[in-house]
C-alpha atoms as a PDB file:
ATOM      1  CA  MET A   1      21.065   8.665 -54.482  1.00  0.00           C
ATOM      2  CA  SER A   2      18.608   8.451 -56.808  1.00  0.00           C
ATOM      3  CA  GLY A   3      14.710   8.845 -56.626  1.00  0.00           C
ATOM      4  CA  GLU A   4      13.860   5.623 -57.725  1.00  0.00           C
ATOM      5  CA  ILE A   5      16.084   4.213 -54.455  1.00  0.00           C
ATOM      6  CA  VAL A   6      15.071   6.728 -52.265  1.00  0.00           C
ATOM      7  CA  GLN A   7      11.441   5.780 -53.426  1.00  0.00           C
ATOM      8  CA  LYS A   8      11.871   2.100 -52.621  1.00  0.00           C
ATOM      9  CA  GLN A   9      13.226   2.776 -49.057  1.00  0.00           C
ATOM     10  CA  LYS A  10       9.881   4.548 -48.521  1.00  0.00           C
ATOM     11  CA  GLU A  11       7.571   1.774 -49.555  1.00  0.00           C
ATOM     12  CA  ALA A  12      10.104  -1.148 -47.394  1.00  0.00           C
ATOM     13  CA  LEU A  13       9.149   1.493 -44.582  1.00  0.00           C
ATOM     14  CA  LEU A  14       5.760   1.756 -44.933  1.00  0.00           C
ATOM     15  CA  LYS A  15       5.104  -2.036 -45.696  1.00  0.00           C
ATOM     16  CA  LYS A  16       7.266  -2.191 -42.343  1.00  0.00           C
ATOM     17  CA  ILE A  17       4.768  -0.036 -40.414  1.00  0.00           C
ATOM     18  CA  ALA A  18       1.996  -1.435 -41.836  1.00  0.00           C
ATOM     19  CA  GLU A  19       3.763  -5.172 -40.691  1.00  0.00           C
ATOM     20  CA  HIS A  20       3.449  -3.751 -37.126  1.00  0.00           C
ATOM     21  CA  LYS A  21       0.287  -2.648 -37.158  1.00  0.00           C
ATOM     22  CA  SER A  22      -1.081  -5.693 -38.290  1.00  0.00           C
ATOM     23  CA  LEU A  23       0.855  -7.721 -35.679  1.00  0.00           C
ATOM     24  CA  ALA A  24      -0.161  -5.071 -32.963  1.00  0.00           C
ATOM     25  CA  LYS A  25      -3.322  -5.460 -32.698  1.00  0.00           C
ATOM     26  CA  PRO A  26      -3.276  -9.382 -31.769  1.00  0.00           C
ATOM     27  CA  ILE A  27      -0.900  -9.018 -29.267  1.00  0.00           C
ATOM     28  CA  LEU A  28      -3.476  -6.226 -27.731  1.00  0.00           C
ATOM     29  CA  ASP A  29      -6.302  -8.191 -28.409  1.00  0.00           C
ATOM     30  CA  LYS A  30      -5.006 -11.116 -26.337  1.00  0.00           C
ATOM     31  CA  ALA A  31      -3.214  -8.972 -23.488  1.00  0.00           C
ATOM     32  CA  ARG A  32      -7.170  -7.502 -22.815  1.00  0.00           C
ATOM     33  CA  LYS A  33      -8.292 -11.358 -23.015  1.00  0.00           C
ATOM     34  CA  THR A  34      -5.661 -12.961 -20.997  1.00  0.00           C
ATOM     35  CA  SER A  35      -4.124 -10.155 -18.706  1.00  0.00           C
ATOM     36  CA  PRO A  36      -5.679 -10.415 -14.731  1.00  0.00           C
ATOM     37  CA  LEU A  37      -6.645  -7.008 -12.509  1.00  0.00           C
ATOM     38  CA  GLU A  38      -7.745  -6.903  -9.124  1.00  0.00           C
ATOM     39  CA  VAL A  39      -7.603  -2.599  -8.469  1.00  0.00           C
ATOM     40  CA  VAL A  40      -8.909  -0.797  -4.992  1.00  0.00           C
ATOM     41  CA  PHE A  41      -9.209   2.650  -5.260  1.00  0.00           C
ATOM     42  CA  MET A  42      -8.652   4.085  -1.917  1.00  0.00           C
ATOM     43  CA  PHE A  43      -9.759   7.676  -1.284  1.00  0.00           C
ATOM     44  CA  ASP A  44      -8.952  10.059   1.440  1.00  0.00           C
ATOM     45  CA  THR A  45     -12.562  11.943   1.785  1.00  0.00           C
ATOM     46  CA  THR A  46     -11.776  14.463   3.905  1.00  0.00           C
ATOM     47  CA  GLY A  47     -12.791  17.947   3.506  1.00  0.00           C
ATOM     48  CA  SER A  48      -9.538  18.981   1.470  1.00  0.00           C
ATOM     49  CA  MET A  49      -9.972  15.715  -0.996  1.00  0.00           C
ATOM     50  CA  ASP A  50     -13.640  17.428  -1.965  1.00  0.00           C
ATOM     51  CA  ILE A  51     -12.824  18.457  -5.465  1.00  0.00           C
ATOM     52  CA  TYR A  52     -10.940  15.179  -6.419  1.00  0.00           C
ATOM     53  CA  LEU A  53     -13.787  12.873  -5.311  1.00  0.00           C
ATOM     54  CA  SER A  54     -16.016  14.795  -6.858  1.00  0.00           C
ATOM     55  CA  GLU A  55     -13.952  14.430 -10.153  1.00  0.00           C
ATOM     56  CA  VAL A  56     -14.323  10.724 -10.156  1.00  0.00           C
ATOM     57  CA  GLN A  57     -17.819  10.205  -8.852  1.00  0.00           C
ATOM     58  CA  VAL A  58     -18.853  12.599 -11.750  1.00  0.00           C
ATOM     59  CA  ASN A  59     -16.813  10.565 -14.303  1.00  0.00           C
ATOM     60  CA  VAL A  60     -16.561   6.837 -12.233  1.00  0.00           C
ATOM     61  CA  GLN A  61     -18.801   4.800 -15.225  1.00  0.00           C
ATOM     62  CA  LEU A  62     -16.378   6.604 -17.458  1.00  0.00           C
ATOM     63  CA  ILE A  63     -13.364   4.987 -15.871  1.00  0.00           C
ATOM     64  CA  ILE A  64     -14.815   1.811 -15.451  1.00  0.00           C
ATOM     65  CA  ARG A  65     -15.657   1.518 -19.142  1.00  0.00           C
ATOM     66  CA  GLU A  66     -12.505   2.294 -19.998  1.00  0.00           C
ATOM     67  CA  ILE A  67     -10.727  -0.145 -18.093  1.00  0.00           C
ATOM     68  CA  ARG A  68     -13.523  -3.201 -18.611  1.00  0.00           C
ATOM     69  CA  LYS A  69     -12.769  -2.415 -22.464  1.00  0.00           C
ATOM     70  CA  ARG A  70      -8.844  -3.204 -22.099  1.00  0.00           C
ATOM     71  CA  VAL A  71      -9.840  -5.795 -19.210  1.00  0.00           C
ATOM     72  CA  PRO A  72     -12.939  -7.079 -19.534  1.00  0.00           C
ATOM     73  CA  ASP A  73     -12.545  -9.069 -16.359  1.00  0.00           C
ATOM     74  CA  ALA A  74     -11.289  -6.786 -14.262  1.00  0.00           C
ATOM     75  CA  ARG A  75     -12.323  -6.739 -10.407  1.00  0.00           C
ATOM     76  CA  ILE A  76     -12.401  -3.307  -8.895  1.00  0.00           C
ATOM     77  CA  SER A  77     -13.034  -2.343  -4.989  1.00  0.00           C
ATOM     78  CA  VAL A  78     -13.409   0.812  -3.382  1.00  0.00           C
ATOM     79  CA  ILE A  79     -11.817   2.078   0.126  1.00  0.00           C
ATOM     80  CA  VAL A  80     -12.982   5.176   1.423  1.00  0.00           C
ATOM     81  CA  TYR A  81     -11.436   6.440   4.352  1.00  0.00           C
ATOM     82  CA  LYS A  82     -11.425   9.692   7.014  1.00  0.00           C
ATOM     83  CA  ASP A  83      -9.440   9.785  10.435  1.00  0.00           C
ATOM     84  CA  HIS A  84     -10.788   8.720  14.139  1.00  0.00           C
ATOM     85  CA  GLU A  85     -13.773  10.838  15.821  1.00  0.00           C
ATOM     86  CA  GLN A  86     -13.818  12.965  12.538  1.00  0.00           C
ATOM     87  CA  GLY A  87     -17.427  11.363  10.983  1.00  0.00           C
ATOM     88  CA  PRO A  88     -19.840   9.070  10.489  1.00  0.00           C
ATOM     89  CA  TYR A  89     -16.910   6.328   9.235  1.00  0.00           C
ATOM     90  CA  VAL A  90     -13.115   5.889   9.461  1.00  0.00           C
ATOM     91  CA  THR A  91     -13.184   3.453   6.673  1.00  0.00           C
ATOM     92  CA  LYS A  92     -16.203   2.230   4.212  1.00  0.00           C
ATOM     93  CA  THR A  93     -15.276  -0.715   2.124  1.00  0.00           C
ATOM     94  CA  LEU A  94     -16.685  -2.327  -1.428  1.00  0.00           C
ATOM     95  CA  ALA A  95     -15.573  -5.777  -1.784  1.00  0.00           C
ATOM     96  CA  PHE A  96     -14.261  -6.876  -5.399  1.00  0.00           C
ATOM     97  CA  SER A  97     -17.018  -6.114  -8.046  1.00  0.00           C
ATOM     98  CA  GLU A  98     -17.251  -6.312 -11.744  1.00  0.00           C
ATOM     99  CA  LYS A  99     -20.659  -4.520 -11.621  1.00  0.00           C
ATOM    100  CA  GLU A 100     -20.762  -1.083 -12.920  1.00  0.00           C
ATOM    101  CA  GLU A 101     -23.710  -0.025 -10.948  1.00  0.00           C
ATOM    102  CA  GLU A 102     -22.340  -1.628  -7.559  1.00  0.00           C
ATOM    103  CA  ILE A 103     -19.213   0.498  -7.948  1.00  0.00           C
ATOM    104  CA  THR A 104     -20.901   3.390  -8.946  1.00  0.00           C
ATOM    105  CA  ALA A 105     -23.586   3.709  -5.989  1.00  0.00           C
ATOM    106  CA  PHE A 106     -20.955   3.030  -3.865  1.00  0.00           C
ATOM    107  CA  LEU A 107     -18.809   5.789  -5.017  1.00  0.00           C
ATOM    108  CA  ARG A 108     -21.784   8.555  -5.052  1.00  0.00           C
ATOM    109  CA  SER A 109     -23.473   7.772  -2.291  1.00  0.00           C
ATOM    110  CA  PRO A 110     -24.165  10.359   0.151  1.00  0.00           C
ATOM    111  CA  ASP A 111     -22.863   8.369   3.081  1.00  0.00           C
ATOM    112  CA  ILE A 112     -19.339   8.803   1.686  1.00  0.00           C
ATOM    113  CA  MET A 113     -19.667  12.547   1.105  1.00  0.00           C
ATOM    114  CA  PRO A 114     -16.136  14.316   2.087  1.00  0.00           C
ATOM    115  CA  GLY A 115     -16.257  15.998   5.024  1.00  0.00           C
ATOM    116  CA  ALA A 116     -14.239  16.568   8.178  1.00  0.00           C
ATOM    117  CA  GLY A 117     -10.543  16.273   9.060  1.00  0.00           C
ATOM    118  CA  GLY A 118      -8.277  17.853  11.194  1.00  0.00           C
ATOM    119  CA  GLY A 119      -5.336  18.763   9.180  1.00  0.00           C
ATOM    120  CA  GLY A 120      -3.230  16.178  10.522  1.00  0.00           C
ATOM    121  CA  ALA A 121      -2.499  12.308   9.956  1.00  0.00           C
ATOM    122  CA  GLU A 122      -5.255  10.803   8.172  1.00  0.00           C
ATOM    123  CA  ALA A 123      -6.469   6.828   9.070  1.00  0.00           C
ATOM    124  CA  VAL A 124      -4.542   5.586   5.734  1.00  0.00           C
ATOM    125  CA  GLU A 125      -3.381   2.528   8.271  1.00  0.00           C
ATOM    126  CA  CYS A 126      -6.945   1.666   9.084  1.00  0.00           C
ATOM    127  CA  ALA A 127      -7.779   1.523   5.089  1.00  0.00           C
ATOM    128  CA  LEU A 128      -4.452  -0.720   4.481  1.00  0.00           C
ATOM    129  CA  TYR A 129      -5.811  -2.729   6.668  1.00  0.00           C
ATOM    130  CA  GLU A 130      -9.392  -2.728   5.237  1.00  0.00           C
ATOM    131  CA  ALA A 131      -7.130  -3.852   1.902  1.00  0.00           C
ATOM    132  CA  ASN A 132      -5.678  -6.799   3.757  1.00  0.00           C
ATOM    133  CA  GLN A 133      -9.539  -8.094   4.433  1.00  0.00           C
ATOM    134  CA  LEU A 134     -10.111  -8.403   0.878  1.00  0.00           C
ATOM    135  CA  ASP A 135     -10.295 -11.679  -1.159  1.00  0.00           C
ATOM    136  CA  TRP A 136      -7.693 -11.075  -3.382  1.00  0.00           C
ATOM    137  CA  THR A 137      -6.751 -14.027  -5.539  1.00  0.00           C
ATOM    138  CA  LYS A 138      -3.481 -15.588  -5.203  1.00  0.00           C
ATOM    139  CA  GLY A 139      -0.443 -14.929  -8.076  1.00  0.00           C
ATOM    140  CA  PRO A 140       2.246 -12.736  -8.520  1.00  0.00           C
ATOM    141  CA  LYS A 141       0.358 -10.448 -11.002  1.00  0.00           C
ATOM    142  CA  GLY A 142      -2.201  -7.872 -11.643  1.00  0.00           C
ATOM    143  CA  LYS A 143      -2.978  -6.534  -8.191  1.00  0.00           C
ATOM    144  CA  ALA A 144      -2.916  -2.975  -7.064  1.00  0.00           C
ATOM    145  CA  ILE A 145      -4.272  -0.347  -4.932  1.00  0.00           C
ATOM    146  CA  ILE A 146      -4.498   3.595  -6.406  1.00  0.00           C
ATOM    147  CA  LEU A 147      -4.057   5.759  -3.110  1.00  0.00           C
ATOM    148  CA  ILE A 148      -5.288   8.922  -3.549  1.00  0.00           C
ATOM    149  CA  GLY A 149      -4.955  11.457  -0.814  1.00  0.00           C
ATOM    150  CA  ASP A 150      -2.728  14.363   0.748  1.00  0.00           C
ATOM    151  CA  LYS A 151      -2.231  13.327   4.270  1.00  0.00           C
ATOM    152  CA  PRO A 152       0.065  10.134   5.556  1.00  0.00           C
ATOM    153  CA  PRO A 153      -0.931   7.707   8.043  1.00  0.00           C
ATOM    154  CA  HIS A 154      -0.683   8.038  11.734  1.00  0.00           C
ATOM    155  CA  GLY A 155       2.898   7.341  13.014  1.00  0.00           C
ATOM    156  CA  VAL A 156       4.772   9.694  10.525  1.00  0.00           C
ATOM    157  CA  MET A 157       3.353  12.806  11.933  1.00  0.00           C
ATOM    158  CA  ASP A 158       2.369  11.684  15.032  1.00  0.00           C
ATOM    159  CA  SER A 159       2.697   8.267  17.045  1.00  0.00           C
ATOM    160  CA  PHE A 160       1.138   5.269  16.006  1.00  0.00           C
ATOM    161  CA  ASP A 161      -0.946   5.407  19.127  1.00  0.00           C
ATOM    162  CA  ASP A 162      -2.996   8.248  17.776  1.00  0.00           C
ATOM    163  CA  CYS A 163      -4.508   5.153  15.726  1.00  0.00           C
ATOM    164  CA  LEU A 164      -7.440   4.113  18.231  1.00  0.00           C
ATOM    165  CA  SER A 165      -8.052   1.117  15.860  1.00  0.00           C
ATOM    166  CA  GLY A 166      -4.358  -0.392  16.660  1.00  0.00           C
ATOM    167  CA  ARG A 167      -3.070  -0.551  13.249  1.00  0.00           C
ATOM    168  CA  ASP A 168       0.333   0.364  12.080  1.00  0.00           C
ATOM    169  CA  TYR A 169       1.028   1.062   8.260  1.00  0.00           C
ATOM    170  CA  ARG A 170       4.083  -0.839   8.250  1.00  0.00           C
ATOM    171  CA  ILE A 171       2.759  -4.030   9.285  1.00  0.00           C
ATOM    172  CA  GLU A 172      -0.150  -3.692   6.865  1.00  0.00           C
ATOM    173  CA  THR A 173       2.066  -2.672   4.003  1.00  0.00           C
ATOM    174  CA  ASP A 174       4.141  -5.291   4.913  1.00  0.00           C
ATOM    175  CA  LYS A 175       1.298  -7.967   4.413  1.00  0.00           C
ATOM    176  CA  LEU A 176       0.603  -6.614   1.192  1.00  0.00           C
ATOM    177  CA  VAL A 177       3.932  -6.897  -0.128  1.00  0.00           C
ATOM    178  CA  GLU A 178       3.357 -10.996   1.063  1.00  0.00           C
ATOM    179  CA  LYS A 179       0.019 -10.789  -1.531  1.00  0.00           C
ATOM    180  CA  ASN A 180       1.952  -9.161  -4.137  1.00  0.00           C
ATOM    181  CA  VAL A 181      -0.130  -6.149  -4.180  1.00  0.00           C
ATOM    182  CA  LYS A 182       1.410  -2.636  -5.600  1.00  0.00           C
ATOM    183  CA  ILE A 183       0.706   0.562  -3.918  1.00  0.00           C
ATOM    184  CA  TYR A 184       0.435   3.394  -6.096  1.00  0.00           C
ATOM    185  CA  THR A 185       0.304   6.694  -4.176  1.00  0.00           C
ATOM    186  CA  VAL A 186      -1.119   9.845  -5.625  1.00  0.00           C
ATOM    187  CA  LEU A 187      -0.183  12.776  -3.785  1.00  0.00           C
ATOM    188  CA  CYS A 188      -3.082  15.598  -4.057  1.00  0.00           C
ATOM    189  CA  ASN A 189      -2.479  19.321  -2.692  1.00  0.00           C
ATOM    190  CA  ASN A 190       1.182  19.340  -2.461  1.00  0.00           C
ATOM    191  CA  VAL A 191       1.371  18.318   0.913  1.00  0.00           C
ATOM    192  CA  THR A 192       5.221  18.052   1.655  1.00  0.00           C
ATOM    193  CA  GLU A 193       4.692  15.986   4.935  1.00  0.00           C
ATOM    194  CA  THR A 194       3.159  13.279   2.959  1.00  0.00           C
ATOM    195  CA  ILE A 195       5.957  12.718   0.181  1.00  0.00           C
ATOM    196  CA  ASN A 196       8.128  10.607   2.257  1.00  0.00           C
ATOM    197  CA  ASN A 197       5.526   8.330   3.616  1.00  0.00           C
ATOM    198  CA  PHE A 198       3.881   8.052   0.029  1.00  0.00           C
ATOM    199  CA  GLN A 199       7.288   7.039  -1.358  1.00  0.00           C
ATOM    200  CA  PHE A 200       7.746   4.817   1.134  1.00  0.00           C
ATOM    201  CA  LEU A 201       4.192   2.778   0.432  1.00  0.00           C
ATOM    202  CA  ALA A 202       4.966   2.969  -3.352  1.00  0.00           C
ATOM    203  CA  GLU A 203       8.856   1.567  -3.318  1.00  0.00           C
ATOM    204  CA  LYS A 204       7.994  -1.077  -0.628  1.00  0.00           C
ATOM    205  CA  THR A 205       5.292  -2.624  -2.693  1.00  0.00           C
ATOM    206  CA  GLY A 206       7.044  -1.986  -5.835  1.00  0.00           C
ATOM    207  CA  GLY A 207       4.116   0.901  -7.427  1.00  0.00           C
ATOM    208  CA  LYS A 208       5.214   4.482  -8.105  1.00  0.00           C
ATOM    209  CA  PHE A 209       4.399   7.785  -6.350  1.00  0.00           C
ATOM    210  CA  VAL A 210       3.176  10.777  -8.276  1.00  0.00           C
ATOM    211  CA  THR A 211       2.333  14.142  -7.641  1.00  0.00           C
ATOM    212  CA  LEU A 212      -0.649  15.079  -9.220  1.00  0.00           C
ATOM    213  CA  GLU A 213      -0.678  18.667 -10.808  1.00  0.00           C
ATOM    214  CA  ALA A 214      -4.044  19.001 -12.692  1.00  0.00           C
ATOM    215  CA  ILE A 215      -7.258  17.752 -11.062  1.00  0.00           C
ATOM    216  CA  HIS A 216      -8.455  17.135 -14.391  1.00  0.00           C
ATOM    217  CA  ASP A 217      -5.864  14.279 -15.159  1.00  0.00           C
ATOM    218  CA  LEU A 218      -6.930  12.056 -11.821  1.00  0.00           C
ATOM    219  CA  VAL A 219      -9.331   9.887 -14.505  1.00  0.00           C
ATOM    220  CA  ASP A 220      -7.121   8.937 -16.958  1.00  0.00           C
ATOM    221  CA  LEU A 221      -4.394   8.469 -14.234  1.00  0.00           C
ATOM    222  CA  ILE A 222      -6.460   6.054 -12.366  1.00  0.00           C
ATOM    223  CA  VAL A 223      -7.274   3.977 -15.778  1.00  0.00           C
ATOM    224  CA  ALA A 224      -3.663   4.369 -16.770  1.00  0.00           C
ATOM    225  CA  VAL A 225      -2.589   2.660 -13.802  1.00  0.00           C
ATOM    226  CA  SER A 226      -4.801   0.190 -13.812  1.00  0.00           C
ATOM    227  CA  ILE A 227      -4.397  -1.521 -17.159  1.00  0.00           C
ATOM    228  CA  LYS A 228      -0.580  -0.695 -16.629  1.00  0.00           C
ATOM    229  CA  GLU A 229      -0.733  -3.193 -13.798  1.00  0.00           C
ATOM    230  CA  SER A 230      -2.545  -5.762 -15.932  1.00  0.00           C
ATOM    231  CA  ASN A 231      -0.294  -5.547 -18.568  1.00  0.00           C
ATOM    232  CA  PRO A 232       2.340  -2.795 -19.761  1.00  0.00           C
ATOM    233  CA  LEU A 233       1.166  -3.091 -23.340  1.00  0.00           C
ATOM    234  CA  LEU A 234      -1.880  -1.989 -22.498  1.00  0.00           C
ATOM    235  CA  LEU A 235      -0.818   1.545 -21.150  1.00  0.00           C
ATOM    236  CA  GLN A 236       1.230   1.959 -24.232  1.00  0.00           C
ATOM    237  CA  ALA A 237      -1.793   1.564 -26.295  1.00  0.00           C
ATOM    238  CA  TYR A 238      -3.908   4.046 -24.171  1.00  0.00           C
ATOM    239  CA  THR A 239      -1.085   6.641 -23.980  1.00  0.00           C
ATOM    240  CA  ASP A 240      -0.803   6.754 -28.017  1.00  0.00           C
ATOM    241  CA  GLU A 241      -5.053   6.914 -27.765  1.00  0.00           C
ATOM    242  CA  LEU A 242      -4.503  10.113 -25.612  1.00  0.00           C
ATOM    243  CA  ARG A 243      -2.001  11.488 -27.824  1.00  0.00           C
ATOM    244  CA  LYS A 244      -3.862  10.762 -31.172  1.00  0.00           C
ATOM    245  CA  LYS A 245      -6.830  12.393 -29.864  1.00  0.00           C
ATOM    246  CA  GLY A 246      -4.538  15.475 -28.865  1.00  0.00           C
ATOM    247  CA  VAL A 247      -5.615  15.165 -25.348  1.00  0.00           C
ATOM    248  CA  LEU A 248      -2.138  14.221 -24.070  1.00  0.00           C
ATOM    249  CA  THR A 249      -1.200  17.638 -21.774  1.00  0.00           C
ATOM    250  CA  ASP A 250       2.397  18.021 -20.495  1.00  0.00           C
ATOM    251  CA  SER A 251       1.037  17.021 -17.148  1.00  0.00           C
ATOM    252  CA  LYS A 252      -0.872  13.971 -18.123  1.00  0.00           C
ATOM    253  CA  ARG A 253       2.323  12.711 -20.204  1.00  0.00           C
ATOM    254  CA  LYS A 254       4.281  13.487 -16.900  1.00  0.00           C
ATOM    255  CA  LEU A 255       2.169  11.007 -14.805  1.00  0.00           C
ATOM    256  CA  LEU A 256       2.043   8.218 -17.615  1.00  0.00           C
ATOM    257  CA  GLN A 257       5.861   8.503 -17.942  1.00  0.00           C
ATOM    258  CA  GLY A 258       5.906   8.403 -13.743  1.00  0.00           C
ATOM    259  CA  ILE A 259       3.952   5.179 -13.506  1.00  0.00           C
ATOM    260  CA  SER A 260       5.295   3.307 -16.559  1.00  0.00           C
END
């Protein structure tokens, strides 16, 4: 093959790449403007989850800005939970908000600082109940819960009767399915008793289950799940951004592949 032919092939390839890039930007811009998103950050705030909650509290403004840069009209809620008779609250909820300062103030409030926890099941079912009380919009797309914890709800390791509020995670999950809300479960601390339940919650709702191996991946994971549920094109673009910045570690790549 002559050098002239090779050069022409290279030029043709470069032209295609340039055309692809020029097309990709308006497609992504349209995705940013038109894709809906309602997402709940749901956290276990018992003592074993201290470092994970702290990671999000420190970076909450970054998380919100990264999401809203891609989905400007994103509505964000926060639900935190402990267990019955383990502290000043069982659950606390911030309704859907578009205000960065409101979400930040809630997450950084001393009222939700981690503590207590008996080592068994936690009130996940009560947190799911609270999620069902939110004013979700009607429609099939762009609705997700990111559940970050290390213990299952009551009714897995113990009796359903151990939920003093009489909630059942199966019933609450069914209601979320009816609302077209997906649950993305993020397992921390590698607690094996939780795996099957977290897998169930994700599979039942059409979400994904992942295990968090590196705490510093949590921020990018929250952003990635949020924008992916709005529009999968945004997740691919975000992954490419992380790669170009040189921060797409093996553990982070595994997580992003796990939610795609």
